[in-house]
Amino acid sequence: MVNATQVISRLFLGQIFFISGITKITAYESTQGYMDIMGVPGGLLPLVILFEIAAGLAIMVGWKTLWVAISLAAFSVLTAVIFHSNFSEQIQTILFMKNIAITGGFLLLAVHGAGSFSLDNNSAASK
């Protein structure tokens, strides 16, 4: 039961970023414009897309979990502060809290590791 829960948890956390990266590709211009409006150079969008897709996949398969989880935790806090800190709008408050909750999940993952069914725990992958 623990092994299945660890895999499902990684899938739930990773898919958010994987799908978000794919969505940014399909809505490239509007995402770039939103970034510019929020004071983040839209030219960074390709790096954001690459990071979200790669990091999401890494979490899902449990590869380099400590460093990827810490990176995604920092990314989640940063995006909460930059994009969702207008607390006069209820939806922005909810999105801010969502990002902070996701950060908590990544910090737990960083502390406890990816679990038995992961590339981190595969003896061949760690050599």
C-alpha atoms as a PDB file:
ATOM      1  CA  MET A   1       0.000   0.000   0.000  1.00  0.00           C
ATOM      2  CA  VAL A   2       2.826   2.435   0.844  1.00  0.00           C
ATOM      3  CA  ASN A   3       4.564   1.808  -2.494  1.00  0.00           C
ATOM      4  CA  ALA A   4       1.380   2.444  -4.457  1.00  0.00           C
ATOM      5  CA  THR A   5       0.682   5.612  -2.477  1.00  0.00           C
ATOM      6  CA  GLN A   6       4.177   6.929  -3.192  1.00  0.00           C
ATOM      7  CA  VAL A   7       3.802   6.328  -6.932  1.00  0.00           C
ATOM      8  CA  ILE A   8       0.322   7.860  -7.048  1.00  0.00           C
ATOM      9  CA  SER A   9       1.522  10.883  -5.064  1.00  0.00           C
ATOM     10  CA  ARG A  10       4.416  11.438  -7.461  1.00  0.00           C
ATOM     11  CA  LEU A  11       2.079  11.094 -10.435  1.00  0.00           C
ATOM     12  CA  PHE A  12      -0.352  13.629  -8.958  1.00  0.00           C
ATOM     13  CA  LEU A  13       2.396  16.154  -8.203  1.00  0.00           C
ATOM     14  CA  GLY A  14       4.308  15.682 -11.447  1.00  0.00           C
ATOM     15  CA  GLN A  15       1.348  15.778 -13.805  1.00  0.00           C
ATOM     16  CA  ILE A  16       0.446  19.312 -12.724  1.00  0.00           C
ATOM     17  CA  PHE A  17       3.735  20.608 -14.096  1.00  0.00           C
ATOM     18  CA  PHE A  18       3.906  18.296 -17.104  1.00  0.00           C
ATOM     19  CA  ILE A  19       0.421  19.327 -18.271  1.00  0.00           C
ATOM     20  CA  SER A  20       1.117  22.969 -17.452  1.00  0.00           C
ATOM     21  CA  GLY A  21       4.213  22.890 -19.669  1.00  0.00           C
ATOM     22  CA  ILE A  22       2.282  21.303 -22.541  1.00  0.00           C
ATOM     23  CA  THR A  23      -0.518  23.841 -22.121  1.00  0.00           C
ATOM     24  CA  LYS A  24       1.974  26.694 -22.312  1.00  0.00           C
ATOM     25  CA  ILE A  25       3.096  25.379 -25.713  1.00  0.00           C
ATOM     26  CA  THR A  26      -0.470  25.370 -27.025  1.00  0.00           C
ATOM     27  CA  ALA A  27      -1.151  28.853 -25.597  1.00  0.00           C
ATOM     28  CA  TYR A  28       2.323  30.243 -26.178  1.00  0.00           C
ATOM     29  CA  GLU A  29       1.505  33.827 -27.174  1.00  0.00           C
ATOM     30  CA  SER A  30      -1.068  34.444 -24.454  1.00  0.00           C
ATOM     31  CA  THR A  31       1.216  32.923 -21.797  1.00  0.00           C
ATOM     32  CA  GLN A  32       4.131  35.049 -23.004  1.00  0.00           C
ATOM     33  CA  GLY A  33       1.935  38.153 -22.892  1.00  0.00           C
ATOM     34  CA  TYR A  34       0.756  37.343 -19.360  1.00  0.00           C
ATOM     35  CA  MET A  35       4.340  36.891 -18.214  1.00  0.00           C
ATOM     36  CA  ASP A  36       5.262  40.279 -19.711  1.00  0.00           C
ATOM     37  CA  ILE A  37       2.286  41.966 -18.000  1.00  0.00           C
ATOM     38  CA  MET A  38       3.362  40.468 -14.656  1.00  0.00           C
ATOM     39  CA  GLY A  39       6.915  41.780 -15.072  1.00  0.00           C
ATOM     40  CA  VAL A  40       8.559  38.495 -16.078  1.00  0.00           C
ATOM     41  CA  PRO A  41      10.334  38.566 -19.451  1.00  0.00           C
ATOM     42  CA  GLY A  42       8.265  36.539 -21.907  1.00  0.00           C
ATOM     43  CA  GLY A  43      11.542  35.400 -23.472  1.00  0.00           C
ATOM     44  CA  LEU A  44      11.942  33.060 -20.495  1.00  0.00           C
ATOM     45  CA  LEU A  45       8.907  31.046 -21.567  1.00  0.00           C
ATOM     46  CA  PRO A  46      10.858  28.347 -23.464  1.00  0.00           C
ATOM     47  CA  LEU A  47      12.924  27.692 -20.325  1.00  0.00           C
ATOM     48  CA  VAL A  48       9.782  27.573 -18.185  1.00  0.00           C
ATOM     49  CA  ILE A  49       8.173  25.089 -20.581  1.00  0.00           C
ATOM     50  CA  LEU A  50      11.268  22.894 -20.658  1.00  0.00           C
ATOM     51  CA  PHE A  51      11.584  23.026 -16.857  1.00  0.00           C
ATOM     52  CA  GLU A  52       7.931  22.191 -16.200  1.00  0.00           C
ATOM     53  CA  ILE A  53       7.832  19.269 -18.629  1.00  0.00           C
ATOM     54  CA  ALA A  54      11.203  17.794 -17.617  1.00  0.00           C
ATOM     55  CA  ALA A  55      10.719  18.314 -13.881  1.00  0.00           C
ATOM     56  CA  GLY A  56       7.164  16.961 -14.010  1.00  0.00           C
ATOM     57  CA  LEU A  57       8.369  13.804 -15.762  1.00  0.00           C
ATOM     58  CA  ALA A  58      11.304  13.450 -13.356  1.00  0.00           C
ATOM     59  CA  ILE A  59       8.974  13.551 -10.357  1.00  0.00           C
ATOM     60  CA  MET A  60       6.585  11.057 -11.938  1.00  0.00           C
ATOM     61  CA  VAL A  61       9.341   8.483 -12.522  1.00  0.00           C
ATOM     62  CA  GLY A  62      11.216   9.344  -9.321  1.00  0.00           C
ATOM     63  CA  TRP A  63      14.487  10.495 -10.878  1.00  0.00           C
ATOM     64  CA  LYS A  64      16.781  12.893  -8.952  1.00  0.00           C
ATOM     65  CA  THR A  65      13.821  13.438  -6.666  1.00  0.00           C
ATOM     66  CA  LEU A  66      15.561  15.449  -3.948  1.00  0.00           C
ATOM     67  CA  TRP A  67      16.862  18.137  -6.303  1.00  0.00           C
ATOM     68  CA  VAL A  68      13.840  18.208  -8.587  1.00  0.00           C
ATOM     69  CA  ALA A  69      11.440  18.413  -5.618  1.00  0.00           C
ATOM     70  CA  ILE A  70      13.419  21.294  -4.105  1.00  0.00           C
ATOM     71  CA  SER A  71      13.497  23.064  -7.477  1.00  0.00           C
ATOM     72  CA  LEU A  72       9.759  22.645  -7.985  1.00  0.00           C
ATOM     73  CA  ALA A  73       9.067  23.778  -4.415  1.00  0.00           C
ATOM     74  CA  ALA A  74      11.041  26.975  -5.043  1.00  0.00           C
ATOM     75  CA  PHE A  75       9.360  27.421  -8.444  1.00  0.00           C
ATOM     76  CA  SER A  76       5.922  27.024  -6.832  1.00  0.00           C
ATOM     77  CA  VAL A  77       6.643  29.662  -4.178  1.00  0.00           C
ATOM     78  CA  LEU A  78       8.128  32.016  -6.767  1.00  0.00           C
ATOM     79  CA  THR A  79       5.132  31.700  -9.090  1.00  0.00           C
ATOM     80  CA  ALA A  80       2.748  32.149  -6.153  1.00  0.00           C
ATOM     81  CA  VAL A  81       4.435  35.396  -5.155  1.00  0.00           C
ATOM     82  CA  ILE A  82       4.792  36.771  -8.698  1.00  0.00           C
ATOM     83  CA  PHE A  83       1.516  35.676 -10.287  1.00  0.00           C
ATOM     84  CA  HIS A  84      -0.948  35.069  -7.444  1.00  0.00           C
ATOM     85  CA  SER A  85      -0.305  37.636  -4.712  1.00  0.00           C
ATOM     86  CA  ASN A  86      -3.230  39.921  -5.467  1.00  0.00           C
ATOM     87  CA  PHE A  87      -5.215  38.905  -2.397  1.00  0.00           C
ATOM     88  CA  SER A  88      -8.040  41.321  -3.195  1.00  0.00           C
ATOM     89  CA  GLU A  89      -9.114  38.753  -5.829  1.00  0.00           C
ATOM     90  CA  GLN A  90     -10.440  35.566  -4.258  1.00  0.00           C
ATOM     91  CA  ILE A  91      -9.249  33.347  -7.134  1.00  0.00           C
ATOM     92  CA  GLN A  92      -5.697  34.673  -6.764  1.00  0.00           C
ATOM     93  CA  THR A  93      -5.786  33.923  -3.034  1.00  0.00           C
ATOM     94  CA  ILE A  94      -6.937  30.372  -3.795  1.00  0.00           C
ATOM     95  CA  LEU A  95      -4.222  29.919  -6.443  1.00  0.00           C
ATOM     96  CA  PHE A  96      -1.618  31.290  -4.026  1.00  0.00           C
ATOM     97  CA  MET A  97      -2.670  28.782  -1.354  1.00  0.00           C
ATOM     98  CA  LYS A  98      -2.682  25.973  -3.969  1.00  0.00           C
ATOM     99  CA  ASN A  99       0.919  26.756  -4.852  1.00  0.00           C
ATOM    100  CA  ILE A 100       1.921  26.804  -1.189  1.00  0.00           C
ATOM    101  CA  ALA A 101       0.199  23.432  -0.639  1.00  0.00           C
ATOM    102  CA  ILE A 102       2.047  21.987  -3.643  1.00  0.00           C
ATOM    103  CA  THR A 103       5.275  23.326  -2.152  1.00  0.00           C
ATOM    104  CA  GLY A 104       4.512  21.375   1.028  1.00  0.00           C
ATOM    105  CA  GLY A 105       4.081  18.202  -1.004  1.00  0.00           C
ATOM    106  CA  PHE A 106       7.435  18.717  -2.710  1.00  0.00           C
ATOM    107  CA  LEU A 107       9.185  19.388   0.586  1.00  0.00           C
ATOM    108  CA  LEU A 108       7.792  16.128   1.979  1.00  0.00           C
ATOM    109  CA  LEU A 109       8.971  14.360  -1.161  1.00  0.00           C
ATOM    110  CA  ALA A 110      12.429  15.900  -0.760  1.00  0.00           C
ATOM    111  CA  VAL A 111      12.636  14.701   2.850  1.00  0.00           C
ATOM    112  CA  HIS A 112      11.182  11.203   2.396  1.00  0.00           C
ATOM    113  CA  GLY A 113      12.360  10.413  -1.116  1.00  0.00           C
ATOM    114  CA  ALA A 114      10.610   8.929  -4.127  1.00  0.00           C
ATOM    115  CA  GLY A 115       9.994   5.499  -2.617  1.00  0.00           C
ATOM    116  CA  SER A 116      10.650   1.954  -3.697  1.00  0.00           C
ATOM    117  CA  PHE A 117       9.157   2.149  -7.180  1.00  0.00           C
ATOM    118  CA  SER A 118      11.319   4.922  -8.600  1.00  0.00           C
ATOM    119  CA  LEU A 119      14.407   5.404 -10.704  1.00  0.00           C
ATOM    120  CA  ASP A 120      16.141   6.791  -7.606  1.00  0.00           C
ATOM    121  CA  ASN A 121      15.698   3.410  -5.929  1.00  0.00           C
ATOM    122  CA  ASN A 122      16.674   1.357  -8.988  1.00  0.00           C
ATOM    123  CA  SER A 123      20.191   0.073  -8.343  1.00  0.00           C
ATOM    124  CA  ALA A 124      21.029   0.159 -12.074  1.00  0.00           C
ATOM    125  CA  ALA A 125      19.890   3.785 -12.403  1.00  0.00           C
ATOM    126  CA  SER A 126      21.938   4.960  -9.428  1.00  0.00           C
ATOM    127  CA  LYS A 127      25.250   3.683 -10.837  1.00  0.00           C
END
